[in-house]
Amino acid sequence: MKYFILILAVITLLYAASFSKDDSIKHKTYPENSKSAYFAGGCFWGVEYHFEKQIGVLDAISGYMGGTVENPDYYGVVRGNTGHLESVRVVYDPSKTSFEKLAKLFFEIHDMEQTNGQGPDIGSQYLSAIFYNDEKEKQTAQELIEILTQKGYKVATSLKKADKFYSAEGYHQDYYQRKGSLPYCHVYKKIFD
């Protein structure tokens, strides 16, 4: 009986550990001049995939932003229990790219007109948003939305002040790169000149 309880305890611990967050993501260091931009465009795997391929992007990290619960996890977020959006932190070198270029790409890789989620992913956790760090980023995003509106788009992307970003669990990071496949609901479509 003791042997059975020991095995059960080990299995339980291993199972629980499989859902823990990967703290190595939080300890990366970036050049002093690097900046971060935050975007939510549905499933973070596809958003991360497209940003990671851009010149000047040092890293793209899947995570959560905009909610009311501290240290949210994937299961709480996807159930809509935390108020967070699946988001991506884009760390970039401002001497090689800009917030404006990244925001343009963001609009070109997801359906900014969808009001209830993104593609087949429906719910408030999959809404489109730009989390701005300062008034300059907010103004840039507003100007891009105005350009899109003039082109006939009905932009559903909301603009929100950036708050605490929580990195998603390790198994969400670099998902498509590790899996060797392409995003199912994020396709690049040239919009801006």
C-alpha atoms as a PDB file:
ATOM      1  CA  MET A   1       0.000   0.000   0.000  1.00  0.00           C
ATOM      2  CA  LYS A   2       2.837   2.408   0.853  1.00  0.00           C
ATOM      3  CA  TYR A   3       4.385   1.684  -2.550  1.00  0.00           C
ATOM      4  CA  PHE A   4       1.106   2.514  -4.296  1.00  0.00           C
ATOM      5  CA  ILE A   5       0.754   5.819  -2.388  1.00  0.00           C
ATOM      6  CA  LEU A   6       4.357   6.747  -3.229  1.00  0.00           C
ATOM      7  CA  ILE A   7       3.792   6.085  -6.950  1.00  0.00           C
ATOM      8  CA  LEU A   8       0.532   8.037  -6.873  1.00  0.00           C
ATOM      9  CA  ALA A   9       2.270  10.987  -5.170  1.00  0.00           C
ATOM     10  CA  VAL A  10       5.081  11.010  -7.756  1.00  0.00           C
ATOM     11  CA  ILE A  11       2.604  10.885 -10.651  1.00  0.00           C
ATOM     12  CA  THR A  12       0.589  13.723  -9.103  1.00  0.00           C
ATOM     13  CA  LEU A  13       3.700  15.887  -8.667  1.00  0.00           C
ATOM     14  CA  LEU A  14       4.865  15.239 -12.227  1.00  0.00           C
ATOM     15  CA  TYR A  15       1.415  16.050 -13.580  1.00  0.00           C
ATOM     16  CA  ALA A  16       1.235  19.312 -11.600  1.00  0.00           C
ATOM     17  CA  ALA A  17       4.747  20.294 -12.704  1.00  0.00           C
ATOM     18  CA  SER A  18       3.777  19.883 -16.343  1.00  0.00           C
ATOM     19  CA  PHE A  19       1.406  22.851 -15.959  1.00  0.00           C
ATOM     20  CA  SER A  20       3.815  25.173 -14.161  1.00  0.00           C
ATOM     21  CA  LYS A  21       5.182  28.252 -15.845  1.00  0.00           C
ATOM     22  CA  ASP A  22       8.656  28.225 -17.352  1.00  0.00           C
ATOM     23  CA  ASP A  23      10.545  30.890 -15.393  1.00  0.00           C
ATOM     24  CA  SER A  24      13.445  30.919 -17.890  1.00  0.00           C
ATOM     25  CA  ILE A  25      11.315  33.204 -20.081  1.00  0.00           C
ATOM     26  CA  LYS A  26      11.272  35.877 -17.391  1.00  0.00           C
ATOM     27  CA  HIS A  27      15.041  35.945 -16.978  1.00  0.00           C
ATOM     28  CA  LYS A  28      16.121  36.806 -20.510  1.00  0.00           C
ATOM     29  CA  THR A  29      18.128  39.981 -20.859  1.00  0.00           C
ATOM     30  CA  TYR A  30      17.969  42.386 -23.766  1.00  0.00           C
ATOM     31  CA  PRO A  31      20.130  45.320 -24.869  1.00  0.00           C
ATOM     32  CA  GLU A  32      19.638  48.474 -22.828  1.00  0.00           C
ATOM     33  CA  ASN A  33      18.157  50.404 -25.771  1.00  0.00           C
ATOM     34  CA  SER A  34      15.526  47.740 -26.541  1.00  0.00           C
ATOM     35  CA  LYS A  35      11.828  48.532 -26.293  1.00  0.00           C
ATOM     36  CA  SER A  36       8.708  46.433 -25.863  1.00  0.00           C
ATOM     37  CA  ALA A  37       5.389  46.649 -27.687  1.00  0.00           C
ATOM     38  CA  TYR A  38       2.280  44.676 -26.756  1.00  0.00           C
ATOM     39  CA  PHE A  39      -0.336  43.286 -29.134  1.00  0.00           C
ATOM     40  CA  ALA A  40      -3.380  41.023 -28.743  1.00  0.00           C
ATOM     41  CA  GLY A  41      -4.715  39.486 -31.947  1.00  0.00           C
ATOM     42  CA  GLY A  42      -6.386  36.223 -31.055  1.00  0.00           C
ATOM     43  CA  CYS A  43      -4.363  33.093 -30.417  1.00  0.00           C
ATOM     44  CA  PHE A  44      -0.923  34.284 -29.360  1.00  0.00           C
ATOM     45  CA  TRP A  45       0.881  31.486 -31.212  1.00  0.00           C
ATOM     46  CA  GLY A  46       0.201  33.016 -34.633  1.00  0.00           C
ATOM     47  CA  VAL A  47       0.910  36.588 -33.566  1.00  0.00           C
ATOM     48  CA  GLU A  48       4.215  35.503 -32.021  1.00  0.00           C
ATOM     49  CA  TYR A  49       5.121  33.538 -35.163  1.00  0.00           C
ATOM     50  CA  HIS A  50       4.818  36.549 -37.474  1.00  0.00           C
ATOM     51  CA  PHE A  51       6.625  39.002 -35.206  1.00  0.00           C
ATOM     52  CA  GLU A  52       9.581  36.674 -34.593  1.00  0.00           C
ATOM     53  CA  LYS A  53      10.440  36.750 -38.301  1.00  0.00           C
ATOM     54  CA  GLN A  54      10.789  40.551 -38.494  1.00  0.00           C
ATOM     55  CA  ILE A  55      14.063  42.440 -38.796  1.00  0.00           C
ATOM     56  CA  GLY A  56      14.795  44.294 -35.574  1.00  0.00           C
ATOM     57  CA  VAL A  57      12.650  42.041 -33.388  1.00  0.00           C
ATOM     58  CA  LEU A  58      14.768  40.529 -30.634  1.00  0.00           C
ATOM     59  CA  ASP A  59      12.050  38.356 -29.140  1.00  0.00           C
ATOM     60  CA  ALA A  60       8.310  37.721 -29.162  1.00  0.00           C
ATOM     61  CA  ILE A  61       6.831  36.261 -25.998  1.00  0.00           C
ATOM     62  CA  SER A  62       3.344  34.816 -25.690  1.00  0.00           C
ATOM     63  CA  GLY A  63       1.478  35.875 -22.588  1.00  0.00           C
ATOM     64  CA  TYR A  64      -1.458  37.600 -20.984  1.00  0.00           C
ATOM     65  CA  MET A  65      -2.360  41.249 -20.422  1.00  0.00           C
ATOM     66  CA  GLY A  66      -5.329  43.382 -19.500  1.00  0.00           C
ATOM     67  CA  GLY A  67      -6.962  41.333 -16.777  1.00  0.00           C
ATOM     68  CA  THR A  68      -7.632  41.614 -13.078  1.00  0.00           C
ATOM     69  CA  VAL A  69      -6.086  38.400 -11.730  1.00  0.00           C
ATOM     70  CA  GLU A  70      -2.425  38.262 -10.711  1.00  0.00           C
ATOM     71  CA  ASN A  71      -0.325  35.485 -12.255  1.00  0.00           C
ATOM     72  CA  PRO A  72      -2.991  34.162 -14.608  1.00  0.00           C
ATOM     73  CA  ASP A  73      -2.578  30.780 -16.220  1.00  0.00           C
ATOM     74  CA  TYR A  74      -3.732  29.498 -19.583  1.00  0.00           C
ATOM     75  CA  TYR A  75      -6.716  27.596 -18.254  1.00  0.00           C
ATOM     76  CA  GLY A  76      -8.101  30.601 -16.391  1.00  0.00           C
ATOM     77  CA  VAL A  77      -7.578  32.898 -19.382  1.00  0.00           C
ATOM     78  CA  VAL A  78      -9.135  30.608 -22.018  1.00  0.00           C
ATOM     79  CA  ARG A  79     -12.176  30.109 -19.820  1.00  0.00           C
ATOM     80  CA  GLY A  80     -12.588  33.903 -19.715  1.00  0.00           C
ATOM     81  CA  ASN A  81     -12.240  33.975 -15.923  1.00  0.00           C
ATOM     82  CA  THR A  82      -9.410  36.517 -15.612  1.00  0.00           C
ATOM     83  CA  GLY A  83     -10.228  39.355 -18.016  1.00  0.00           C
ATOM     84  CA  HIS A  84      -6.862  38.914 -19.772  1.00  0.00           C
ATOM     85  CA  LEU A  85      -6.313  38.822 -23.516  1.00  0.00           C
ATOM     86  CA  GLU A  86      -3.886  36.392 -25.112  1.00  0.00           C
ATOM     87  CA  SER A  87      -1.121  38.864 -25.935  1.00  0.00           C
ATOM     88  CA  VAL A  88       2.404  39.043 -27.278  1.00  0.00           C
ATOM     89  CA  ARG A  89       5.271  41.116 -25.934  1.00  0.00           C
ATOM     90  CA  VAL A  90       7.466  42.146 -28.857  1.00  0.00           C
ATOM     91  CA  VAL A  91      10.974  43.152 -27.765  1.00  0.00           C
ATOM     92  CA  TYR A  92      12.663  45.169 -30.483  1.00  0.00           C
ATOM     93  CA  ASP A  93      15.700  47.245 -31.360  1.00  0.00           C
ATOM     94  CA  PRO A  94      14.423  50.776 -32.147  1.00  0.00           C
ATOM     95  CA  SER A  95      17.467  51.425 -34.358  1.00  0.00           C
ATOM     96  CA  LYS A  96      16.293  48.639 -36.713  1.00  0.00           C
ATOM     97  CA  THR A  97      12.495  48.854 -36.559  1.00  0.00           C
ATOM     98  CA  SER A  98       9.812  51.022 -35.002  1.00  0.00           C
ATOM     99  CA  PHE A  99       6.554  50.780 -33.127  1.00  0.00           C
ATOM    100  CA  GLU A 100       4.794  52.044 -36.252  1.00  0.00           C
ATOM    101  CA  LYS A 101       6.228  49.237 -38.420  1.00  0.00           C
ATOM    102  CA  LEU A 102       5.277  46.654 -35.815  1.00  0.00           C
ATOM    103  CA  ALA A 103       1.750  48.061 -35.470  1.00  0.00           C
ATOM    104  CA  LYS A 104       1.315  47.999 -39.260  1.00  0.00           C
ATOM    105  CA  LEU A 105       2.390  44.358 -39.312  1.00  0.00           C
ATOM    106  CA  PHE A 106      -0.025  43.609 -36.486  1.00  0.00           C
ATOM    107  CA  PHE A 107      -2.948  44.898 -38.558  1.00  0.00           C
ATOM    108  CA  GLU A 108      -1.723  42.887 -41.557  1.00  0.00           C
ATOM    109  CA  ILE A 109      -1.558  39.515 -39.760  1.00  0.00           C
ATOM    110  CA  HIS A 110      -4.993  39.281 -38.178  1.00  0.00           C
ATOM    111  CA  ASP A 111      -8.627  40.166 -38.834  1.00  0.00           C
ATOM    112  CA  MET A 112      -8.843  43.541 -37.115  1.00  0.00           C
ATOM    113  CA  GLU A 113     -12.547  43.749 -38.022  1.00  0.00           C
ATOM    114  CA  GLN A 114     -13.676  40.666 -36.100  1.00  0.00           C
ATOM    115  CA  THR A 115     -15.524  41.765 -32.969  1.00  0.00           C
ATOM    116  CA  ASN A 116     -15.966  38.523 -31.029  1.00  0.00           C
ATOM    117  CA  GLY A 117     -12.535  36.899 -31.159  1.00  0.00           C
ATOM    118  CA  GLN A 118     -10.186  35.839 -33.920  1.00  0.00           C
ATOM    119  CA  GLY A 119     -10.965  33.244 -36.545  1.00  0.00           C
ATOM    120  CA  PRO A 120     -12.426  30.162 -34.874  1.00  0.00           C
ATOM    121  CA  ASP A 121     -11.286  31.342 -31.425  1.00  0.00           C
ATOM    122  CA  ILE A 122     -14.290  33.116 -29.939  1.00  0.00           C
ATOM    123  CA  GLY A 123     -14.365  34.986 -26.643  1.00  0.00           C
ATOM    124  CA  SER A 124     -13.125  38.111 -24.907  1.00  0.00           C
ATOM    125  CA  GLN A 125      -9.671  36.569 -24.373  1.00  0.00           C
ATOM    126  CA  TYR A 126      -9.142  36.568 -28.173  1.00  0.00           C
ATOM    127  CA  LEU A 127     -10.123  40.180 -28.924  1.00  0.00           C
ATOM    128  CA  SER A 128      -7.877  42.507 -30.918  1.00  0.00           C
ATOM    129  CA  ALA A 129      -6.026  45.185 -28.934  1.00  0.00           C
ATOM    130  CA  ILE A 130      -2.908  47.296 -28.924  1.00  0.00           C
ATOM    131  CA  PHE A 131      -1.546  47.994 -25.455  1.00  0.00           C
ATOM    132  CA  TYR A 132       0.309  51.298 -25.713  1.00  0.00           C
ATOM    133  CA  ASN A 133       3.161  52.342 -23.405  1.00  0.00           C
ATOM    134  CA  ASP A 134       2.882  56.083 -23.917  1.00  0.00           C
ATOM    135  CA  GLU A 135       0.927  58.787 -25.735  1.00  0.00           C
ATOM    136  CA  LYS A 136       3.192  58.591 -28.793  1.00  0.00           C
ATOM    137  CA  GLU A 137       2.374  54.906 -29.311  1.00  0.00           C
ATOM    138  CA  LYS A 138      -1.321  55.628 -28.727  1.00  0.00           C
ATOM    139  CA  GLN A 139      -1.257  58.421 -31.313  1.00  0.00           C
ATOM    140  CA  THR A 140       0.560  56.200 -33.829  1.00  0.00           C
ATOM    141  CA  ALA A 141      -2.044  53.457 -33.372  1.00  0.00           C
ATOM    142  CA  GLN A 142      -4.896  55.973 -33.722  1.00  0.00           C
ATOM    143  CA  GLU A 143      -3.385  57.316 -36.953  1.00  0.00           C
ATOM    144  CA  LEU A 144      -3.093  53.791 -38.379  1.00  0.00           C
ATOM    145  CA  ILE A 145      -6.706  53.051 -37.441  1.00  0.00           C
ATOM    146  CA  GLU A 146      -7.741  56.263 -39.219  1.00  0.00           C
ATOM    147  CA  ILE A 147      -5.860  55.177 -42.371  1.00  0.00           C
ATOM    148  CA  LEU A 148      -7.563  51.771 -42.215  1.00  0.00           C
ATOM    149  CA  THR A 149     -10.962  53.419 -41.723  1.00  0.00           C
ATOM    150  CA  GLN A 150     -10.354  55.593 -44.790  1.00  0.00           C
ATOM    151  CA  LYS A 151      -9.551  52.393 -46.716  1.00  0.00           C
ATOM    152  CA  GLY A 152     -12.979  51.035 -45.759  1.00  0.00           C
ATOM    153  CA  TYR A 153     -12.053  48.787 -42.835  1.00  0.00           C
ATOM    154  CA  LYS A 154     -14.273  48.676 -39.739  1.00  0.00           C
ATOM    155  CA  VAL A 155     -11.511  48.331 -37.176  1.00  0.00           C
ATOM    156  CA  ALA A 156     -12.534  46.537 -33.971  1.00  0.00           C
ATOM    157  CA  THR A 157      -9.060  46.781 -32.415  1.00  0.00           C
ATOM    158  CA  SER A 158      -9.181  48.537 -29.065  1.00  0.00           C
ATOM    159  CA  LEU A 159      -6.413  50.703 -27.646  1.00  0.00           C
ATOM    160  CA  LYS A 160      -5.578  50.116 -24.000  1.00  0.00           C
ATOM    161  CA  LYS A 161      -2.880  51.425 -21.695  1.00  0.00           C
ATOM    162  CA  ALA A 162      -0.257  48.717 -21.184  1.00  0.00           C
ATOM    163  CA  ASP A 163      -0.259  47.170 -17.747  1.00  0.00           C
ATOM    164  CA  LYS A 164       1.453  44.119 -16.279  1.00  0.00           C
ATOM    165  CA  PHE A 165       2.386  41.480 -18.839  1.00  0.00           C
ATOM    166  CA  TYR A 166       2.486  37.873 -17.702  1.00  0.00           C
ATOM    167  CA  SER A 167       4.483  35.387 -19.778  1.00  0.00           C
ATOM    168  CA  ALA A 168       2.503  32.320 -20.790  1.00  0.00           C
ATOM    169  CA  GLU A 169       3.614  28.848 -19.851  1.00  0.00           C
ATOM    170  CA  GLY A 170       6.761  27.533 -21.548  1.00  0.00           C
ATOM    171  CA  TYR A 171       4.914  25.135 -23.840  1.00  0.00           C
ATOM    172  CA  HIS A 172       3.226  28.142 -25.505  1.00  0.00           C
ATOM    173  CA  GLN A 173       6.517  29.839 -26.438  1.00  0.00           C
ATOM    174  CA  ASP A 174       7.772  29.478 -30.033  1.00  0.00           C
ATOM    175  CA  TYR A 175       4.882  27.087 -30.605  1.00  0.00           C
ATOM    176  CA  TYR A 176       4.850  26.999 -34.409  1.00  0.00           C
ATOM    177  CA  GLN A 177       8.634  27.017 -34.640  1.00  0.00           C
ATOM    178  CA  ARG A 178       8.804  23.927 -32.414  1.00  0.00           C
ATOM    179  CA  LYS A 179       5.840  22.258 -34.093  1.00  0.00           C
ATOM    180  CA  GLY A 180       7.133  22.931 -37.612  1.00  0.00           C
ATOM    181  CA  SER A 181       3.812  24.176 -38.942  1.00  0.00           C
ATOM    182  CA  LEU A 182       2.061  27.415 -39.882  1.00  0.00           C
ATOM    183  CA  PRO A 183      -0.546  29.448 -37.956  1.00  0.00           C
ATOM    184  CA  TYR A 184      -4.140  28.395 -38.583  1.00  0.00           C
ATOM    185  CA  CYS A 185      -5.774  31.811 -38.230  1.00  0.00           C
ATOM    186  CA  HIS A 186      -3.022  34.381 -38.854  1.00  0.00           C
ATOM    187  CA  VAL A 187      -2.131  34.998 -42.476  1.00  0.00           C
ATOM    188  CA  TYR A 188      -0.145  37.979 -43.726  1.00  0.00           C
ATOM    189  CA  LYS A 189      -2.112  40.312 -45.990  1.00  0.00           C
ATOM    190  CA  LYS A 190      -0.432  43.477 -47.330  1.00  0.00           C
ATOM    191  CA  ILE A 191      -2.524  46.531 -46.420  1.00  0.00           C
ATOM    192  CA  PHE A 192      -0.120  49.423 -45.930  1.00  0.00           C
ATOM    193  CA  ASP A 193       2.111  50.928 -48.625  1.00  0.00           C
END
